Amino acid sequence: MNRQVELLFEGWAMKKGMRTWSKFFLSTPQNVAEHTVRVMRIALTLAKSEEWADLEKVLLWALIHDLWEVRWVDTNYVSSQYVERDEKLAVRDALAWTGFENELFPIREEMEARETLEAQIVRDADTLEVEFELKEMIVEWSALAQDFLDQRSKVYPRKLFTESAKKMYTELFEANPASWHFNAKNRVNQWDLHPDS
């Protein structure tokens, strides 16, 4: 029973696990536990739309899909280029002596293979959840930020003294604050998410 109790504490540690892509935003994205709850809801919705999906399996998989991140920490699409994670070892160690290892480890392997309908639903839910959060961030922050920028643009260019500051002000509004990570070596332009792969 002791290892089962430890696994429950480890699962609750997900609420302290921040999504590492949060460094790309001014607002704070949700933690791993919040992400997991919405993945479960999206997966359930998708599973109801797919008539042959096993709802129990989908919900279980959605519940545990990121549990192992407590051990290895979530990596964003830039940081993943510089670290190696032994996900199988993290899963094995997390499940060791809990009584769940014979049931959950094969489920994790099946999820990673993404060949079954249930695995595909959970993966899709995981992907869609990020899109939902980004959409919320646009509504929550971008409109307000744009209002502030519009207001400030009527006053602040005239308050700048040096030519270099005026030039930087112009370049600032032509620049994309996210270009540093879009142009850095990342999963999209280097490996598994590259359009040519």
N, C-alpha and C. Protein backbone atom coordinates (compact mmCIF):
# COMPACT_ATOMS: atom_id res chain seq x y z
N MET A 1 0.82 -1.21 0.00
CA MET A 1 0.00 0.00 0.00
C MET A 1 0.86 1.26 0.00
N ASN A 2 2.03 1.23 0.64
CA ASN A 2 2.87 2.41 0.74
C ASN A 2 3.22 2.99 -0.63
N ARG A 3 3.58 2.15 -1.60
CA ARG A 3 3.92 2.66 -2.94
C ARG A 3 2.70 3.24 -3.63
N GLN A 4 1.52 2.71 -3.37
CA GLN A 4 0.30 3.28 -3.94
C GLN A 4 0.05 4.68 -3.38
N VAL A 5 0.28 4.86 -2.08
CA VAL A 5 0.14 6.17 -1.47
C VAL A 5 1.16 7.14 -2.06
N GLU A 6 2.38 6.67 -2.24
CA GLU A 6 3.42 7.51 -2.85
C GLU A 6 3.03 7.92 -4.27
N LEU A 7 2.45 6.98 -5.03
CA LEU A 7 2.03 7.29 -6.40
C LEU A 7 0.93 8.36 -6.39
N LEU A 8 0.04 8.32 -5.39
CA LEU A 8 -0.99 9.34 -5.29
C LEU A 8 -0.38 10.71 -5.01
N PHE A 9 0.62 10.76 -4.10
CA PHE A 9 1.31 12.02 -3.86
C PHE A 9 2.03 12.49 -5.11
N GLU A 10 2.64 11.56 -5.83
CA GLU A 10 3.34 11.92 -7.07
C GLU A 10 2.36 12.49 -8.08
N GLY A 11 1.18 11.89 -8.17
CA GLY A 11 0.16 12.41 -9.08
C GLY A 11 -0.27 13.82 -8.72
N TRP A 12 -0.39 14.11 -7.42
CA TRP A 12 -0.78 15.45 -6.99
C TRP A 12 0.32 16.47 -7.26
N ALA A 13 1.56 15.99 -7.37
CA ALA A 13 2.67 16.91 -7.67
C ALA A 13 2.51 17.53 -9.06
N MET A 14 1.63 16.95 -9.89
CA MET A 14 1.38 17.52 -11.22
C MET A 14 0.87 18.95 -11.13
N LYS A 15 0.18 19.28 -10.04
CA LYS A 15 -0.35 20.64 -9.93
C LYS A 15 0.76 21.66 -9.74
N LYS A 16 1.96 21.20 -9.36
CA LYS A 16 3.10 22.09 -9.22
C LYS A 16 3.97 22.09 -10.47
N GLY A 17 3.66 21.22 -11.41
CA GLY A 17 4.43 21.13 -12.64
C GLY A 17 3.94 22.13 -13.67
N MET A 18 4.73 23.17 -13.89
CA MET A 18 4.35 24.17 -14.89
C MET A 18 4.71 23.68 -16.28
N ARG A 19 3.90 24.01 -17.23
CA ARG A 19 4.18 23.67 -18.62
C ARG A 19 5.35 24.54 -19.05
N THR A 20 6.39 23.94 -19.61
CA THR A 20 7.60 24.71 -19.88
C THR A 20 7.44 25.71 -21.01
N TRP A 21 6.43 25.58 -21.82
CA TRP A 21 6.23 26.58 -22.87
C TRP A 21 5.70 27.88 -22.29
N SER A 22 5.46 27.90 -20.98
CA SER A 22 4.99 29.14 -20.35
C SER A 22 5.99 30.27 -20.49
N LYS A 23 7.27 29.94 -20.68
CA LYS A 23 8.28 31.00 -20.81
C LYS A 23 8.10 31.82 -22.08
N PHE A 24 7.25 31.38 -22.98
CA PHE A 24 7.02 32.11 -24.22
C PHE A 24 5.89 33.13 -24.09
N PHE A 25 5.24 33.20 -22.93
CA PHE A 25 4.07 34.05 -22.75
C PHE A 25 4.20 34.91 -21.52
N LEU A 26 3.49 36.03 -21.52
CA LEU A 26 3.46 36.88 -20.34
C LEU A 26 2.51 36.33 -19.29
N SER A 27 1.39 35.78 -19.73
CA SER A 27 0.47 35.17 -18.78
C SER A 27 0.97 33.76 -18.47
N THR A 28 0.50 33.20 -17.40
CA THR A 28 0.95 31.88 -16.98
C THR A 28 -0.01 30.82 -17.47
N PRO A 29 0.46 29.94 -18.34
CA PRO A 29 -0.40 28.84 -18.76
C PRO A 29 -0.72 27.93 -17.57
N GLN A 30 -1.69 27.10 -17.77
CA GLN A 30 -2.10 26.20 -16.69
C GLN A 30 -1.00 25.21 -16.33
N ASN A 31 -1.13 24.59 -15.18
CA ASN A 31 -0.16 23.58 -14.76
C ASN A 31 -0.53 22.23 -15.38
N VAL A 32 0.29 21.22 -15.14
CA VAL A 32 0.09 19.92 -15.77
C VAL A 32 -1.21 19.27 -15.29
N ALA A 33 -1.57 19.47 -14.03
CA ALA A 33 -2.82 18.89 -13.52
C ALA A 33 -4.04 19.52 -14.20
N GLU A 34 -4.04 20.83 -14.36
CA GLU A 34 -5.15 21.51 -15.04
C GLU A 34 -5.23 21.06 -16.50
N HIS A 35 -4.09 20.95 -17.13
CA HIS A 35 -4.03 20.45 -18.51
C HIS A 35 -4.65 19.06 -18.58
N THR A 36 -4.32 18.19 -17.63
CA THR A 36 -4.81 16.81 -17.64
C THR A 36 -6.32 16.76 -17.52
N VAL A 37 -6.89 17.59 -16.66
CA VAL A 37 -8.35 17.59 -16.49
C VAL A 37 -9.04 17.96 -17.81
N ARG A 38 -8.52 18.98 -18.49
CA ARG A 38 -9.18 19.37 -19.74
C ARG A 38 -8.93 18.33 -20.83
N VAL A 39 -7.76 17.69 -20.84
CA VAL A 39 -7.53 16.60 -21.80
C VAL A 39 -8.58 15.51 -21.59
N MET A 40 -8.88 15.21 -20.33
CA MET A 40 -9.91 14.20 -20.06
C MET A 40 -11.27 14.62 -20.62
N ARG A 41 -11.63 15.87 -20.44
CA ARG A 41 -12.92 16.34 -20.94
C ARG A 41 -12.98 16.34 -22.47
N ILE A 42 -11.90 16.77 -23.09
CA ILE A 42 -11.87 16.77 -24.57
C ILE A 42 -11.88 15.33 -25.08
N ALA A 43 -11.11 14.46 -24.43
CA ALA A 43 -11.06 13.05 -24.85
C ALA A 43 -12.43 12.40 -24.73
N LEU A 44 -13.13 12.70 -23.65
CA LEU A 44 -14.47 12.15 -23.47
C LEU A 44 -15.40 12.63 -24.57
N THR A 45 -15.32 13.91 -24.91
CA THR A 45 -16.15 14.48 -25.97
C THR A 45 -15.82 13.83 -27.31
N LEU A 46 -14.53 13.67 -27.60
CA LEU A 46 -14.13 13.02 -28.86
C LEU A 46 -14.58 11.56 -28.88
N ALA A 47 -14.42 10.87 -27.75
CA ALA A 47 -14.79 9.46 -27.69
C ALA A 47 -16.29 9.26 -27.92
N LYS A 48 -17.10 10.19 -27.42
CA LYS A 48 -18.55 10.09 -27.66
C LYS A 48 -18.87 10.27 -29.14
N SER A 49 -18.03 11.02 -29.85
CA SER A 49 -18.24 11.22 -31.28
C SER A 49 -17.77 10.03 -32.11
N GLU A 50 -16.85 9.27 -31.56
CA GLU A 50 -16.35 8.06 -32.22
C GLU A 50 -17.09 6.87 -31.63
N GLU A 51 -18.05 6.35 -32.37
CA GLU A 51 -18.99 5.37 -31.82
C GLU A 51 -18.34 4.11 -31.24
N TRP A 52 -17.18 3.74 -31.71
CA TRP A 52 -16.59 2.47 -31.28
C TRP A 52 -15.52 2.64 -30.20
N ALA A 53 -15.36 3.81 -29.68
CA ALA A 53 -14.32 4.04 -28.67
C ALA A 53 -14.74 3.49 -27.31
N ASP A 54 -13.79 2.95 -26.59
CA ASP A 54 -13.98 2.45 -25.23
C ASP A 54 -13.80 3.64 -24.28
N LEU A 55 -14.90 4.15 -23.74
CA LEU A 55 -14.86 5.36 -22.91
C LEU A 55 -14.01 5.18 -21.65
N GLU A 56 -14.10 4.02 -21.03
CA GLU A 56 -13.33 3.78 -19.81
C GLU A 56 -11.83 3.83 -20.10
N LYS A 57 -11.44 3.21 -21.19
CA LYS A 57 -10.02 3.22 -21.57
C LYS A 57 -9.55 4.63 -21.91
N VAL A 58 -10.37 5.37 -22.64
CA VAL A 58 -10.01 6.74 -23.02
C VAL A 58 -9.82 7.61 -21.78
N LEU A 59 -10.73 7.52 -20.82
CA LEU A 59 -10.62 8.34 -19.61
C LEU A 59 -9.41 7.95 -18.77
N LEU A 60 -9.15 6.65 -18.64
CA LEU A 60 -7.98 6.20 -17.89
C LEU A 60 -6.70 6.71 -18.55
N TRP A 61 -6.61 6.58 -19.85
CA TRP A 61 -5.41 7.01 -20.56
C TRP A 61 -5.23 8.52 -20.47
N ALA A 62 -6.33 9.25 -20.60
CA ALA A 62 -6.23 10.71 -20.50
C ALA A 62 -5.78 11.11 -19.10
N LEU A 63 -6.25 10.39 -18.09
CA LEU A 63 -5.88 10.68 -16.71
C LEU A 63 -4.38 10.51 -16.48
N ILE A 64 -3.79 9.48 -17.06
CA ILE A 64 -2.39 9.17 -16.77
C ILE A 64 -1.42 9.65 -17.85
N HIS A 65 -1.90 10.28 -18.91
CA HIS A 65 -1.04 10.54 -20.07
C HIS A 65 0.20 11.38 -19.76
N ASP A 66 0.15 12.27 -18.78
CA ASP A 66 1.31 13.10 -18.44
C ASP A 66 1.81 12.87 -17.02
N LEU A 67 1.34 11.83 -16.37
CA LEU A 67 1.73 11.56 -14.98
C LEU A 67 3.24 11.49 -14.82
N TRP A 68 3.91 10.96 -15.80
CA TRP A 68 5.36 10.73 -15.72
C TRP A 68 6.15 12.03 -15.78
N GLU A 69 5.52 13.11 -16.22
CA GLU A 69 6.24 14.39 -16.31
C GLU A 69 6.67 14.91 -14.95
N VAL A 70 6.08 14.40 -13.89
CA VAL A 70 6.53 14.75 -12.54
C VAL A 70 8.00 14.34 -12.38
N ARG A 71 8.38 13.26 -13.03
CA ARG A 71 9.74 12.74 -12.89
C ARG A 71 10.72 13.36 -13.88
N TRP A 72 10.29 13.70 -15.08
CA TRP A 72 11.28 14.19 -16.05
C TRP A 72 11.09 15.65 -16.43
N VAL A 73 10.06 16.28 -16.05
CA VAL A 73 9.74 17.67 -16.34
C VAL A 73 9.37 17.83 -17.82
N ASP A 74 8.32 18.54 -18.03
CA ASP A 74 7.84 18.85 -19.38
C ASP A 74 8.93 19.63 -20.12
N THR A 75 9.11 19.31 -21.39
CA THR A 75 10.05 20.08 -22.20
C THR A 75 9.27 20.77 -23.31
N ASN A 76 9.67 22.00 -23.62
CA ASN A 76 9.01 22.70 -24.72
C ASN A 76 9.70 22.35 -26.03
N TYR A 77 9.25 22.93 -27.09
CA TYR A 77 9.76 22.53 -28.39
C TYR A 77 11.17 23.00 -28.66
N VAL A 78 11.68 23.92 -27.88
CA VAL A 78 13.09 24.32 -27.99
C VAL A 78 13.94 23.47 -27.05
N SER A 79 13.54 23.40 -25.77
CA SER A 79 14.36 22.65 -24.80
C SER A 79 14.46 21.17 -25.14
N SER A 80 13.48 20.64 -25.86
CA SER A 80 13.53 19.22 -26.23
C SER A 80 14.69 18.91 -27.16
N GLN A 81 15.27 19.93 -27.76
CA GLN A 81 16.42 19.73 -28.65
C GLN A 81 17.71 19.50 -27.87
N TYR A 82 17.71 19.77 -26.58
CA TYR A 82 18.96 19.75 -25.80
C TYR A 82 18.96 18.75 -24.65
N VAL A 83 17.88 18.03 -24.46
CA VAL A 83 17.82 17.06 -23.37
C VAL A 83 17.36 15.71 -23.90
N GLU A 84 17.79 14.68 -23.21
CA GLU A 84 17.29 13.34 -23.50
C GLU A 84 16.53 12.87 -22.29
N ARG A 85 15.33 12.37 -22.52
CA ARG A 85 14.51 11.86 -21.44
C ARG A 85 14.36 10.36 -21.60
N ASP A 86 14.46 9.64 -20.53
CA ASP A 86 14.21 8.21 -20.55
C ASP A 86 12.81 7.99 -20.01
N GLU A 87 11.83 8.16 -20.90
CA GLU A 87 10.44 8.10 -20.49
C GLU A 87 10.05 6.72 -19.98
N LYS A 88 10.54 5.68 -20.64
CA LYS A 88 10.20 4.33 -20.19
C LYS A 88 10.71 4.08 -18.77
N LEU A 89 11.92 4.53 -18.47
CA LEU A 89 12.47 4.36 -17.13
C LEU A 89 11.64 5.14 -16.11
N ALA A 90 11.24 6.36 -16.46
CA ALA A 90 10.41 7.16 -15.55
C ALA A 90 9.09 6.46 -15.26
N VAL A 91 8.47 5.90 -16.30
CA VAL A 91 7.20 5.20 -16.12
C VAL A 91 7.40 3.95 -15.26
N ARG A 92 8.43 3.17 -15.59
CA ARG A 92 8.71 1.96 -14.80
C ARG A 92 8.96 2.29 -13.34
N ASP A 93 9.78 3.31 -13.08
CA ASP A 93 10.09 3.68 -11.70
C ASP A 93 8.86 4.22 -10.97
N ALA A 94 8.05 5.00 -11.65
CA ALA A 94 6.85 5.55 -11.02
C ALA A 94 5.87 4.44 -10.63
N LEU A 95 5.78 3.43 -11.47
CA LEU A 95 4.81 2.36 -11.24
C LEU A 95 5.35 1.20 -10.41
N ALA A 96 6.65 1.14 -10.19
CA ALA A 96 7.26 0.00 -9.49
C ALA A 96 6.62 -0.24 -8.14
N TRP A 97 6.24 -1.49 -7.91
CA TRP A 97 5.71 -1.96 -6.63
C TRP A 97 4.40 -1.28 -6.23
N THR A 98 3.68 -0.73 -7.18
CA THR A 98 2.39 -0.11 -6.86
C THR A 98 1.22 -1.06 -7.07
N GLY A 99 1.46 -2.14 -7.79
CA GLY A 99 0.37 -3.04 -8.16
C GLY A 99 -0.27 -2.64 -9.48
N PHE A 100 0.12 -1.49 -10.02
CA PHE A 100 -0.43 -1.02 -11.28
C PHE A 100 0.51 -1.25 -12.46
N GLU A 101 1.75 -1.65 -12.18
CA GLU A 101 2.76 -1.70 -13.24
C GLU A 101 2.38 -2.63 -14.39
N ASN A 102 1.76 -3.77 -14.10
CA ASN A 102 1.40 -4.72 -15.16
C ASN A 102 0.23 -4.24 -15.99
N GLU A 103 -0.57 -3.35 -15.44
CA GLU A 103 -1.73 -2.82 -16.16
C GLU A 103 -1.40 -1.51 -16.89
N LEU A 104 -0.73 -0.60 -16.20
CA LEU A 104 -0.53 0.73 -16.77
C LEU A 104 0.66 0.84 -17.72
N PHE A 105 1.72 0.07 -17.50
CA PHE A 105 2.86 0.18 -18.41
C PHE A 105 2.48 -0.23 -19.83
N PRO A 106 1.78 -1.36 -20.02
CA PRO A 106 1.35 -1.69 -21.39
C PRO A 106 0.41 -0.65 -22.00
N ILE A 107 -0.42 -0.01 -21.16
CA ILE A 107 -1.32 1.03 -21.65
C ILE A 107 -0.50 2.20 -22.18
N ARG A 108 0.53 2.58 -21.44
CA ARG A 108 1.40 3.67 -21.87
C ARG A 108 2.07 3.34 -23.20
N GLU A 109 2.52 2.09 -23.35
CA GLU A 109 3.15 1.67 -24.60
C GLU A 109 2.15 1.73 -25.76
N GLU A 110 0.93 1.30 -25.51
CA GLU A 110 -0.11 1.36 -26.55
C GLU A 110 -0.44 2.80 -26.92
N MET A 111 -0.47 3.68 -25.91
CA MET A 111 -0.73 5.10 -26.17
C MET A 111 0.36 5.68 -27.06
N GLU A 112 1.61 5.34 -26.76
CA GLU A 112 2.73 5.88 -27.53
C GLU A 112 2.71 5.38 -28.97
N ALA A 113 2.25 4.15 -29.20
CA ALA A 113 2.19 3.60 -30.56
C ALA A 113 1.12 4.30 -31.40
N ARG A 114 0.10 4.82 -30.75
CA ARG A 114 -0.97 5.59 -31.40
C ARG A 114 -1.66 4.83 -32.54
N GLU A 115 -1.80 3.52 -32.37
CA GLU A 115 -2.42 2.72 -33.42
C GLU A 115 -3.90 2.43 -33.14
N THR A 116 -4.30 2.46 -31.87
CA THR A 116 -5.69 2.19 -31.54
C THR A 116 -6.49 3.49 -31.54
N LEU A 117 -7.79 3.35 -31.71
CA LEU A 117 -8.68 4.52 -31.72
C LEU A 117 -8.56 5.28 -30.40
N GLU A 118 -8.51 4.55 -29.28
CA GLU A 118 -8.44 5.20 -27.97
C GLU A 118 -7.14 6.00 -27.81
N ALA A 119 -6.04 5.43 -28.25
CA ALA A 119 -4.76 6.14 -28.17
C ALA A 119 -4.78 7.39 -29.04
N GLN A 120 -5.38 7.28 -30.22
CA GLN A 120 -5.47 8.43 -31.12
C GLN A 120 -6.36 9.53 -30.54
N ILE A 121 -7.43 9.13 -29.88
CA ILE A 121 -8.33 10.10 -29.25
C ILE A 121 -7.61 10.87 -28.16
N VAL A 122 -6.87 10.16 -27.30
CA VAL A 122 -6.16 10.82 -26.20
C VAL A 122 -5.08 11.74 -26.76
N ARG A 123 -4.37 11.29 -27.78
CA ARG A 123 -3.32 12.13 -28.38
C ARG A 123 -3.95 13.39 -28.99
N ASP A 124 -5.06 13.20 -29.70
CA ASP A 124 -5.76 14.36 -30.28
C ASP A 124 -6.23 15.31 -29.19
N ALA A 125 -6.76 14.77 -28.10
CA ALA A 125 -7.23 15.60 -27.00
C ALA A 125 -6.06 16.38 -26.39
N ASP A 126 -4.91 15.74 -26.26
CA ASP A 126 -3.72 16.40 -25.72
C ASP A 126 -3.30 17.56 -26.62
N THR A 127 -3.35 17.35 -27.93
CA THR A 127 -3.00 18.40 -28.89
C THR A 127 -4.04 19.52 -28.87
N LEU A 128 -5.30 19.16 -28.92
CA LEU A 128 -6.36 20.16 -28.96
C LEU A 128 -6.41 21.00 -27.68
N GLU A 129 -6.05 20.41 -26.56
CA GLU A 129 -6.10 21.14 -25.30
C GLU A 129 -5.19 22.36 -25.36
N VAL A 130 -4.02 22.20 -25.96
CA VAL A 130 -3.09 23.33 -26.09
C VAL A 130 -3.70 24.41 -26.97
N GLU A 131 -4.37 24.01 -28.04
CA GLU A 131 -5.01 24.98 -28.93
C GLU A 131 -6.11 25.74 -28.19
N PHE A 132 -6.88 25.04 -27.35
CA PHE A 132 -7.90 25.72 -26.55
C PHE A 132 -7.26 26.75 -25.63
N GLU A 133 -6.17 26.36 -24.98
CA GLU A 133 -5.52 27.29 -24.07
C GLU A 133 -4.96 28.50 -24.81
N LEU A 134 -4.36 28.28 -25.96
CA LEU A 134 -3.84 29.40 -26.75
C LEU A 134 -4.96 30.34 -27.17
N LYS A 135 -6.08 29.78 -27.57
CA LYS A 135 -7.23 30.60 -27.95
C LYS A 135 -7.70 31.46 -26.77
N GLU A 136 -7.73 30.86 -25.58
CA GLU A 136 -8.11 31.62 -24.39
C GLU A 136 -7.12 32.73 -24.11
N MET A 137 -5.84 32.45 -24.31
CA MET A 137 -4.82 33.46 -24.05
C MET A 137 -4.95 34.63 -25.02
N ILE A 138 -5.32 34.33 -26.26
CA ILE A 138 -5.53 35.40 -27.24
C ILE A 138 -6.66 36.30 -26.77
N VAL A 139 -7.76 35.69 -26.38
CA VAL A 139 -8.92 36.47 -25.93
C VAL A 139 -8.59 37.23 -24.65
N GLU A 140 -7.90 36.56 -23.73
CA GLU A 140 -7.62 37.16 -22.43
C GLU A 140 -6.60 38.27 -22.49
N TRP A 141 -5.56 38.11 -23.31
CA TRP A 141 -4.44 39.04 -23.26
C TRP A 141 -4.24 39.88 -24.51
N SER A 142 -4.35 39.29 -25.66
CA SER A 142 -3.98 40.03 -26.86
C SER A 142 -4.87 41.23 -27.13
N ALA A 143 -6.16 41.08 -26.93
CA ALA A 143 -7.05 42.21 -27.18
C ALA A 143 -6.72 43.37 -26.24
N LEU A 144 -6.50 43.06 -24.99
CA LEU A 144 -6.15 44.08 -24.01
C LEU A 144 -4.79 44.69 -24.35
N ALA A 145 -3.85 43.85 -24.68
CA ALA A 145 -2.51 44.35 -25.03
C ALA A 145 -2.58 45.25 -26.26
N GLN A 146 -3.38 44.87 -27.24
CA GLN A 146 -3.50 45.68 -28.45
C GLN A 146 -4.11 47.03 -28.14
N ASP A 147 -5.09 47.05 -27.25
CA ASP A 147 -5.69 48.32 -26.83
C ASP A 147 -4.64 49.24 -26.19
N PHE A 148 -3.82 48.66 -25.32
CA PHE A 148 -2.76 49.44 -24.69
C PHE A 148 -1.76 49.97 -25.71
N LEU A 149 -1.36 49.10 -26.64
CA LEU A 149 -0.39 49.51 -27.66
C LEU A 149 -0.95 50.63 -28.53
N ASP A 150 -2.21 50.51 -28.92
CA ASP A 150 -2.84 51.55 -29.73
C ASP A 150 -2.86 52.89 -29.00
N GLN A 151 -3.20 52.83 -27.74
CA GLN A 151 -3.25 54.06 -26.94
C GLN A 151 -1.86 54.66 -26.80
N ARG A 152 -0.88 53.84 -26.48
CA ARG A 152 0.48 54.34 -26.27
C ARG A 152 1.10 54.85 -27.56
N SER A 153 0.73 54.28 -28.70
CA SER A 153 1.35 54.69 -29.96
C SER A 153 1.01 56.15 -30.33
N LYS A 154 -0.01 56.70 -29.72
CA LYS A 154 -0.39 58.09 -29.98
C LYS A 154 0.50 59.06 -29.23
N VAL A 155 1.18 58.56 -28.20
CA VAL A 155 1.96 59.45 -27.33
C VAL A 155 3.45 59.11 -27.32
N TYR A 156 3.76 57.86 -27.14
CA TYR A 156 5.14 57.49 -26.83
C TYR A 156 6.16 57.71 -27.94
N PRO A 157 5.85 57.59 -29.22
CA PRO A 157 6.89 57.89 -30.22
C PRO A 157 7.42 59.32 -30.10
N ARG A 158 6.57 60.25 -29.74
CA ARG A 158 6.99 61.65 -29.59
C ARG A 158 7.83 61.87 -28.34
N LYS A 159 7.76 60.98 -27.39
CA LYS A 159 8.50 61.13 -26.13
C LYS A 159 9.92 60.57 -26.23
N LEU A 160 10.22 59.91 -27.33
CA LEU A 160 11.57 59.35 -27.48
C LEU A 160 12.53 60.43 -27.95
N PHE A 161 13.74 60.42 -27.42
CA PHE A 161 14.72 61.46 -27.73
C PHE A 161 15.71 61.06 -28.81
N THR A 162 16.29 59.89 -28.68
CA THR A 162 17.39 59.52 -29.59
C THR A 162 16.87 58.85 -30.85
N GLU A 163 17.66 58.99 -31.92
CA GLU A 163 17.32 58.34 -33.18
C GLU A 163 17.32 56.83 -33.04
N SER A 164 18.27 56.32 -32.26
CA SER A 164 18.33 54.86 -32.09
C SER A 164 17.09 54.35 -31.35
N ALA A 165 16.58 55.11 -30.40
CA ALA A 165 15.37 54.70 -29.69
C ALA A 165 14.16 54.75 -30.62
N LYS A 166 14.11 55.78 -31.47
CA LYS A 166 13.01 55.88 -32.43
C LYS A 166 13.05 54.72 -33.43
N LYS A 167 14.27 54.38 -33.86
CA LYS A 167 14.43 53.25 -34.78
C LYS A 167 14.01 51.96 -34.10
N MET A 168 14.43 51.77 -32.84
CA MET A 168 14.07 50.57 -32.11
C MET A 168 12.56 50.49 -31.91
N TYR A 169 11.91 51.62 -31.66
CA TYR A 169 10.46 51.65 -31.49
C TYR A 169 9.78 51.15 -32.75
N THR A 170 10.23 51.62 -33.92
CA THR A 170 9.66 51.17 -35.18
C THR A 170 9.89 49.67 -35.39
N GLU A 171 11.12 49.22 -35.12
CA GLU A 171 11.45 47.80 -35.29
C GLU A 171 10.67 46.93 -34.32
N LEU A 172 10.44 47.46 -33.12
CA LEU A 172 9.69 46.73 -32.11
C LEU A 172 8.31 46.34 -32.64
N PHE A 173 7.65 47.27 -33.31
CA PHE A 173 6.29 46.99 -33.79
C PHE A 173 6.27 46.15 -35.06
N GLU A 174 7.41 46.03 -35.71
CA GLU A 174 7.49 45.15 -36.87
C GLU A 174 7.97 43.76 -36.47
N ALA A 175 8.49 43.63 -35.25
CA ALA A 175 9.06 42.37 -34.79
C ALA A 175 8.00 41.44 -34.20
N ASN A 176 8.30 40.18 -34.22
CA ASN A 176 7.47 39.17 -33.58
C ASN A 176 8.18 38.75 -32.29
N PRO A 177 7.58 38.98 -31.11
CA PRO A 177 8.24 38.63 -29.86
C PRO A 177 8.56 37.14 -29.74
N ALA A 178 7.89 36.33 -30.51
CA ALA A 178 8.11 34.88 -30.44
C ALA A 178 9.12 34.38 -31.46
N SER A 179 9.67 35.28 -32.29
CA SER A 179 10.55 34.81 -33.36
C SER A 179 11.78 34.10 -32.83
N TRP A 180 12.23 34.45 -31.64
CA TRP A 180 13.43 33.80 -31.11
C TRP A 180 13.23 32.30 -30.99
N HIS A 181 12.05 31.85 -30.53
CA HIS A 181 11.87 30.40 -30.41
C HIS A 181 11.31 29.77 -31.68
N PHE A 182 10.61 30.56 -32.52
CA PHE A 182 10.19 30.01 -33.81
C PHE A 182 11.40 29.73 -34.70
N ASN A 183 12.41 30.59 -34.61
CA ASN A 183 13.60 30.44 -35.46
C ASN A 183 14.71 29.61 -34.82
N ALA A 184 14.61 29.34 -33.52
CA ALA A 184 15.60 28.49 -32.86
C ALA A 184 15.43 27.05 -33.32
N LYS A 185 16.43 26.25 -33.10
CA LYS A 185 16.30 24.83 -33.40
C LYS A 185 15.21 24.27 -32.50
N ASN A 186 14.16 23.68 -33.10
CA ASN A 186 13.03 23.18 -32.33
C ASN A 186 12.42 21.97 -33.04
N ARG A 187 11.42 21.36 -32.41
CA ARG A 187 10.81 20.14 -32.96
C ARG A 187 10.19 20.37 -34.33
N VAL A 188 9.68 21.54 -34.58
CA VAL A 188 9.00 21.80 -35.85
C VAL A 188 10.00 21.86 -37.00
N ASN A 189 11.12 22.55 -36.79
CA ASN A 189 12.06 22.69 -37.92
C ASN A 189 13.18 21.68 -37.90
N GLN A 190 13.22 20.79 -36.91
CA GLN A 190 14.33 19.84 -36.84
C GLN A 190 13.93 18.38 -36.96
N TRP A 191 12.85 17.96 -36.34
CA TRP A 191 12.63 16.52 -36.36
C TRP A 191 11.18 16.12 -36.44
N ASP A 192 10.56 15.56 -35.41
CA ASP A 192 9.30 14.84 -35.56
C ASP A 192 8.10 15.67 -36.03
N LEU A 193 8.14 16.97 -35.88
CA LEU A 193 7.02 17.78 -36.36
C LEU A 193 7.32 18.50 -37.67
N HIS A 194 8.49 18.25 -38.22
CA HIS A 194 8.88 18.91 -39.47
C HIS A 194 7.93 18.48 -40.59
N PRO A 195 7.46 19.40 -41.42
CA PRO A 195 6.51 19.07 -42.48
C PRO A 195 7.00 17.98 -43.43
N ASP A 196 8.29 17.82 -43.58
CA ASP A 196 8.83 16.83 -44.52
C ASP A 196 9.04 15.46 -43.88
N SER A 197 8.77 15.34 -42.58
CA SER A 197 9.02 14.04 -41.93
C SER A 197 7.81 13.16 -41.94
